[in-house]
Amino acid sequence: MFEQFSAGYYLGRLYVEPHDDDRAVIHRADHERVNEQLYAPDEGIARLDTPLVMKLGGAHFPVVGDEGVPAGTLAVPRDCFTAENLPADREVFLAKPDRARELLQYGGYTPDESGAR
């Protein structure tokens, strides 16, 4: 789904569509697979509920898993992008683990034992 791109990002293609939630989501199985393969391959126990951090256009946003989204699809809040550029098959950047932690901290994300924000 994603391949090496730079020191801070992986690059992949996802079908991007707007939705009415206030957070970005991908299918839960895709979310867990990316977390396992790219975010925690050498760290032992991994938290599979930790948000991924993706970049689309110039915007970074946390992405969580959701069963209601088709596999291979990134659903973003409707107000993030104009209707004329979505839905579409798009290049999406995925922040590498260190960059993702940094961006999540800047955004105020602080994981606790329950996985809640």
N, C-alpha and C. Protein backbone atom coordinates (compact mmCIF):
# COMPACT_ATOMS: atom_id res chain seq x y z
N MET A 1 0.82 -1.19 0.00
CA MET A 1 0.00 0.00 0.00
C MET A 1 0.87 1.27 0.00
N PHE A 2 1.97 1.25 0.80
CA PHE A 2 2.88 2.40 0.87
C PHE A 2 4.30 1.94 0.61
N GLU A 3 5.10 2.82 0.03
CA GLU A 3 6.51 2.52 -0.23
C GLU A 3 7.37 3.68 0.24
N GLN A 4 8.67 3.42 0.39
CA GLN A 4 9.62 4.46 0.82
C GLN A 4 9.52 5.67 -0.11
N PHE A 5 9.55 6.87 0.48
CA PHE A 5 9.55 8.07 -0.34
C PHE A 5 10.69 9.01 0.06
N SER A 6 10.77 9.33 1.35
CA SER A 6 11.80 10.25 1.83
C SER A 6 12.15 9.88 3.26
N ALA A 7 12.99 10.69 3.89
CA ALA A 7 13.38 10.42 5.27
C ALA A 7 12.19 10.50 6.22
N GLY A 8 11.17 11.27 5.86
CA GLY A 8 10.04 11.46 6.77
C GLY A 8 8.73 10.84 6.33
N TYR A 9 8.66 10.33 5.09
CA TYR A 9 7.37 9.87 4.58
C TYR A 9 7.46 8.61 3.72
N TYR A 10 6.36 7.87 3.73
CA TYR A 10 6.08 6.82 2.76
C TYR A 10 5.10 7.43 1.76
N LEU A 11 4.99 6.84 0.58
CA LEU A 11 4.06 7.32 -0.43
C LEU A 11 3.18 6.17 -0.87
N GLY A 12 1.89 6.44 -1.00
CA GLY A 12 0.95 5.43 -1.47
C GLY A 12 -0.18 6.07 -2.25
N ARG A 13 -1.04 5.24 -2.80
CA ARG A 13 -2.22 5.72 -3.52
C ARG A 13 -3.45 5.15 -2.83
N LEU A 14 -4.39 6.02 -2.56
CA LEU A 14 -5.67 5.61 -1.98
C LEU A 14 -6.78 6.33 -2.73
N TYR A 15 -7.93 5.73 -2.72
CA TYR A 15 -9.12 6.39 -3.23
C TYR A 15 -9.56 7.33 -2.11
N VAL A 16 -9.61 8.60 -2.38
CA VAL A 16 -9.94 9.60 -1.35
C VAL A 16 -11.34 10.13 -1.63
N GLU A 17 -12.16 10.09 -0.59
CA GLU A 17 -13.53 10.58 -0.73
C GLU A 17 -13.92 11.40 0.50
N PRO A 18 -14.84 12.34 0.31
CA PRO A 18 -15.31 13.13 1.46
C PRO A 18 -16.33 12.33 2.27
N HIS A 19 -16.41 12.65 3.55
CA HIS A 19 -17.48 12.09 4.38
C HIS A 19 -17.84 13.11 5.45
N ASP A 20 -18.90 12.82 6.18
CA ASP A 20 -19.46 13.83 7.09
C ASP A 20 -18.92 13.77 8.51
N ASP A 21 -17.99 12.88 8.80
CA ASP A 21 -17.38 12.82 10.14
C ASP A 21 -16.35 13.94 10.25
N ASP A 22 -15.91 14.24 11.46
CA ASP A 22 -14.92 15.30 11.66
C ASP A 22 -13.49 14.76 11.73
N ARG A 23 -13.31 13.49 11.42
CA ARG A 23 -11.96 12.90 11.43
C ARG A 23 -11.76 12.07 10.17
N ALA A 24 -10.51 11.89 9.80
CA ALA A 24 -10.16 11.08 8.63
C ALA A 24 -10.10 9.62 9.05
N VAL A 25 -10.57 8.73 8.17
CA VAL A 25 -10.61 7.30 8.48
C VAL A 25 -10.23 6.46 7.27
N ILE A 26 -9.66 5.28 7.56
CA ILE A 26 -9.47 4.24 6.55
C ILE A 26 -10.05 2.97 7.15
N HIS A 27 -10.20 1.94 6.33
CA HIS A 27 -10.75 0.68 6.83
C HIS A 27 -9.89 0.18 7.99
N ARG A 28 -10.55 -0.35 9.00
CA ARG A 28 -9.84 -0.78 10.22
C ARG A 28 -8.73 -1.79 9.93
N ALA A 29 -8.97 -2.75 9.05
CA ALA A 29 -7.93 -3.75 8.73
C ALA A 29 -6.74 -3.09 8.03
N ASP A 30 -6.98 -2.12 7.15
CA ASP A 30 -5.89 -1.38 6.51
C ASP A 30 -5.09 -0.61 7.56
N HIS A 31 -5.80 0.02 8.48
CA HIS A 31 -5.17 0.80 9.55
C HIS A 31 -4.26 -0.09 10.39
N GLU A 32 -4.76 -1.24 10.80
CA GLU A 32 -3.97 -2.15 11.62
C GLU A 32 -2.78 -2.70 10.85
N ARG A 33 -2.98 -3.05 9.58
CA ARG A 33 -1.88 -3.60 8.78
C ARG A 33 -0.76 -2.56 8.61
N VAL A 34 -1.11 -1.31 8.32
CA VAL A 34 -0.09 -0.26 8.18
C VAL A 34 0.62 -0.04 9.50
N ASN A 35 -0.12 0.00 10.60
CA ASN A 35 0.49 0.15 11.92
C ASN A 35 1.49 -0.97 12.19
N GLU A 36 1.10 -2.22 11.90
CA GLU A 36 1.97 -3.37 12.15
C GLU A 36 3.21 -3.36 11.26
N GLN A 37 3.02 -3.09 9.97
CA GLN A 37 4.12 -3.20 9.02
C GLN A 37 5.06 -2.01 9.03
N LEU A 38 4.53 -0.80 9.18
CA LEU A 38 5.37 0.38 9.02
C LEU A 38 5.66 1.13 10.31
N TYR A 39 4.78 1.05 11.28
CA TYR A 39 4.97 1.82 12.49
C TYR A 39 5.61 1.04 13.63
N ALA A 40 5.51 -0.27 13.64
CA ALA A 40 6.03 -1.01 14.79
C ALA A 40 6.69 -2.33 14.44
N PRO A 41 7.43 -2.44 13.35
CA PRO A 41 8.00 -3.74 13.01
C PRO A 41 9.11 -4.20 13.96
N ASP A 42 9.80 -3.29 14.61
CA ASP A 42 10.93 -3.67 15.47
C ASP A 42 10.73 -3.29 16.93
N GLU A 43 9.55 -2.86 17.30
CA GLU A 43 9.35 -2.33 18.64
C GLU A 43 8.63 -3.29 19.59
N GLY A 44 8.38 -4.53 19.19
CA GLY A 44 7.69 -5.45 20.07
C GLY A 44 6.20 -5.20 20.07
N ILE A 45 5.64 -4.88 21.24
CA ILE A 45 4.20 -4.65 21.36
C ILE A 45 3.84 -3.33 20.70
N ALA A 46 2.87 -3.38 19.81
CA ALA A 46 2.44 -2.19 19.08
C ALA A 46 1.02 -1.84 19.46
N ARG A 47 0.75 -0.56 19.56
CA ARG A 47 -0.62 -0.08 19.78
C ARG A 47 -1.25 0.13 18.41
N LEU A 48 -2.14 -0.75 18.04
CA LEU A 48 -2.75 -0.68 16.72
C LEU A 48 -3.85 0.38 16.63
N ASP A 49 -4.20 1.00 17.76
CA ASP A 49 -5.22 2.05 17.74
C ASP A 49 -4.61 3.45 17.62
N THR A 50 -3.29 3.54 17.61
CA THR A 50 -2.65 4.85 17.46
C THR A 50 -2.95 5.40 16.08
N PRO A 51 -3.34 6.67 16.00
CA PRO A 51 -3.63 7.23 14.68
C PRO A 51 -2.41 7.22 13.77
N LEU A 52 -2.65 6.95 12.49
CA LEU A 52 -1.63 7.16 11.47
C LEU A 52 -1.65 8.65 11.17
N VAL A 53 -0.58 9.17 10.62
CA VAL A 53 -0.57 10.58 10.21
C VAL A 53 -0.34 10.61 8.71
N MET A 54 -1.32 11.17 7.99
CA MET A 54 -1.22 11.26 6.54
C MET A 54 -1.19 12.71 6.10
N LYS A 55 -0.63 12.91 4.93
CA LYS A 55 -0.57 14.24 4.34
C LYS A 55 -1.20 14.15 2.96
N LEU A 56 -2.15 15.02 2.72
CA LEU A 56 -2.84 15.09 1.44
C LEU A 56 -2.87 16.55 1.06
N GLY A 57 -2.33 16.86 -0.11
CA GLY A 57 -2.17 18.28 -0.43
C GLY A 57 -1.17 18.86 0.56
N GLY A 58 -1.49 19.95 1.18
CA GLY A 58 -0.60 20.56 2.18
C GLY A 58 -1.02 20.30 3.60
N ALA A 59 -2.03 19.45 3.81
CA ALA A 59 -2.57 19.24 5.16
C ALA A 59 -2.16 17.90 5.74
N HIS A 60 -1.74 17.92 7.02
CA HIS A 60 -1.49 16.71 7.79
C HIS A 60 -2.71 16.46 8.66
N PHE A 61 -3.06 15.18 8.86
CA PHE A 61 -4.16 14.88 9.74
C PHE A 61 -4.03 13.46 10.28
N PRO A 62 -4.53 13.25 11.52
CA PRO A 62 -4.53 11.89 12.07
C PRO A 62 -5.60 11.07 11.38
N VAL A 63 -5.31 9.78 11.21
CA VAL A 63 -6.24 8.87 10.53
C VAL A 63 -6.45 7.66 11.44
N VAL A 64 -7.71 7.35 11.69
CA VAL A 64 -8.05 6.20 12.53
C VAL A 64 -8.76 5.15 11.69
N GLY A 65 -8.92 3.95 12.26
CA GLY A 65 -9.60 2.87 11.56
C GLY A 65 -11.10 2.90 11.77
N ASP A 66 -11.83 2.45 10.74
CA ASP A 66 -13.30 2.44 10.80
C ASP A 66 -13.79 1.32 9.89
N GLU A 67 -14.64 0.46 10.40
CA GLU A 67 -15.18 -0.66 9.61
C GLU A 67 -16.06 -0.19 8.46
N GLY A 68 -16.62 1.02 8.54
CA GLY A 68 -17.56 1.48 7.54
C GLY A 68 -16.94 2.04 6.27
N VAL A 69 -15.62 2.05 6.18
CA VAL A 69 -14.93 2.60 5.00
C VAL A 69 -14.43 1.43 4.17
N PRO A 70 -14.63 1.46 2.85
CA PRO A 70 -14.11 0.36 2.02
C PRO A 70 -12.58 0.27 2.08
N ALA A 71 -12.04 -0.92 1.91
CA ALA A 71 -10.59 -1.12 1.88
C ALA A 71 -9.99 -0.26 0.76
N GLY A 72 -8.81 0.29 1.02
CA GLY A 72 -8.11 1.09 0.02
C GLY A 72 -8.66 2.50 -0.13
N THR A 73 -9.51 2.92 0.80
CA THR A 73 -10.14 4.23 0.74
C THR A 73 -9.77 5.06 1.96
N LEU A 74 -9.49 6.33 1.73
CA LEU A 74 -9.28 7.31 2.79
C LEU A 74 -10.47 8.27 2.74
N ALA A 75 -11.25 8.30 3.80
CA ALA A 75 -12.39 9.21 3.88
C ALA A 75 -11.98 10.40 4.74
N VAL A 76 -12.08 11.58 4.17
CA VAL A 76 -11.66 12.80 4.87
C VAL A 76 -12.86 13.69 5.14
N PRO A 77 -12.79 14.48 6.21
CA PRO A 77 -13.90 15.40 6.47
C PRO A 77 -14.21 16.26 5.24
N ARG A 78 -15.48 16.40 4.96
CA ARG A 78 -15.95 17.09 3.77
C ARG A 78 -15.38 18.50 3.64
N ASP A 79 -15.17 19.18 4.75
CA ASP A 79 -14.68 20.57 4.69
C ASP A 79 -13.17 20.68 4.45
N CYS A 80 -12.46 19.55 4.40
CA CYS A 80 -11.01 19.59 4.17
C CYS A 80 -10.64 19.89 2.73
N PHE A 81 -11.47 19.46 1.80
CA PHE A 81 -11.14 19.59 0.39
C PHE A 81 -12.38 19.99 -0.39
N THR A 82 -12.17 20.68 -1.47
CA THR A 82 -13.30 21.11 -2.28
C THR A 82 -13.89 19.94 -3.05
N ALA A 83 -15.15 20.04 -3.36
CA ALA A 83 -15.86 18.95 -4.03
C ALA A 83 -15.26 18.62 -5.39
N GLU A 84 -14.67 19.59 -6.06
CA GLU A 84 -14.14 19.29 -7.39
C GLU A 84 -12.89 18.41 -7.37
N ASN A 85 -12.17 18.30 -6.24
CA ASN A 85 -11.02 17.40 -6.24
C ASN A 85 -11.31 16.05 -5.59
N LEU A 86 -12.54 15.81 -5.14
CA LEU A 86 -12.88 14.52 -4.53
C LEU A 86 -14.23 14.07 -5.04
N PRO A 87 -14.48 12.80 -5.12
CA PRO A 87 -13.57 11.68 -4.86
C PRO A 87 -12.60 11.47 -6.01
N ALA A 88 -11.46 10.88 -5.69
CA ALA A 88 -10.43 10.63 -6.70
C ALA A 88 -9.39 9.67 -6.15
N ASP A 89 -8.70 8.99 -7.06
CA ASP A 89 -7.55 8.18 -6.72
C ASP A 89 -6.39 9.16 -6.57
N ARG A 90 -5.76 9.23 -5.38
CA ARG A 90 -4.77 10.26 -5.12
C ARG A 90 -3.52 9.70 -4.46
N GLU A 91 -2.40 10.39 -4.67
CA GLU A 91 -1.19 10.08 -3.92
C GLU A 91 -1.37 10.62 -2.51
N VAL A 92 -0.99 9.80 -1.54
CA VAL A 92 -1.12 10.16 -0.13
C VAL A 92 0.22 9.88 0.54
N PHE A 93 0.68 10.81 1.35
CA PHE A 93 1.91 10.62 2.11
C PHE A 93 1.55 10.12 3.50
N LEU A 94 2.33 9.18 3.98
CA LEU A 94 2.18 8.63 5.32
C LEU A 94 3.43 8.97 6.09
N ALA A 95 3.29 9.70 7.19
CA ALA A 95 4.44 10.07 7.99
C ALA A 95 5.07 8.83 8.61
N LYS A 96 6.40 8.78 8.59
CA LYS A 96 7.13 7.68 9.23
C LYS A 96 6.98 7.82 10.75
N PRO A 97 7.26 6.75 11.50
CA PRO A 97 6.98 6.74 12.94
C PRO A 97 7.47 7.96 13.73
N ASP A 98 8.72 8.35 13.59
CA ASP A 98 9.22 9.49 14.36
C ASP A 98 8.50 10.78 13.99
N ARG A 99 8.30 10.99 12.69
CA ARG A 99 7.60 12.18 12.22
C ARG A 99 6.14 12.16 12.67
N ALA A 100 5.52 10.99 12.63
CA ALA A 100 4.12 10.87 13.06
C ALA A 100 3.97 11.21 14.54
N ARG A 101 4.86 10.68 15.38
CA ARG A 101 4.80 11.00 16.82
C ARG A 101 4.93 12.50 17.04
N GLU A 102 5.86 13.10 16.34
CA GLU A 102 6.08 14.54 16.45
C GLU A 102 4.82 15.32 16.04
N LEU A 103 4.24 14.96 14.91
CA LEU A 103 3.04 15.66 14.43
C LEU A 103 1.85 15.44 15.36
N LEU A 104 1.70 14.23 15.89
CA LEU A 104 0.61 13.96 16.82
C LEU A 104 0.78 14.77 18.10
N GLN A 105 2.01 14.87 18.59
CA GLN A 105 2.25 15.67 19.79
C GLN A 105 1.93 17.14 19.55
N TYR A 106 2.34 17.67 18.39
CA TYR A 106 2.02 19.06 18.05
C TYR A 106 0.52 19.27 17.98
N GLY A 107 -0.20 18.24 17.55
CA GLY A 107 -1.65 18.34 17.43
C GLY A 107 -2.39 18.10 18.73
N GLY A 108 -1.66 17.80 19.81
CA GLY A 108 -2.28 17.62 21.12
C GLY A 108 -2.67 16.19 21.45
N TYR A 109 -2.27 15.22 20.63
CA TYR A 109 -2.59 13.83 20.90
C TYR A 109 -1.69 13.32 22.01
N THR A 110 -2.30 12.78 23.06
CA THR A 110 -1.54 12.16 24.14
C THR A 110 -2.19 10.81 24.45
N PRO A 111 -1.57 9.72 24.03
CA PRO A 111 -2.17 8.40 24.27
C PRO A 111 -2.20 8.07 25.75
N ASP A 112 -3.26 7.36 26.16
CA ASP A 112 -3.31 6.86 27.52
C ASP A 112 -3.54 5.36 27.46
N GLU A 113 -3.71 4.73 28.57
CA GLU A 113 -3.83 3.27 28.61
C GLU A 113 -5.04 2.76 27.85
N SER A 114 -6.10 3.54 27.76
CA SER A 114 -7.32 3.08 27.08
C SER A 114 -7.27 3.34 25.59
N GLY A 115 -6.29 4.11 25.12
CA GLY A 115 -6.21 4.43 23.71
C GLY A 115 -7.00 5.68 23.34
N ALA A 116 -7.61 6.32 24.32
CA ALA A 116 -8.42 7.51 24.05
C ALA A 116 -7.54 8.74 23.95
N ARG A 117 -8.08 9.75 23.32
CA ARG A 117 -7.37 11.03 23.21
C ARG A 117 -7.61 11.85 24.43
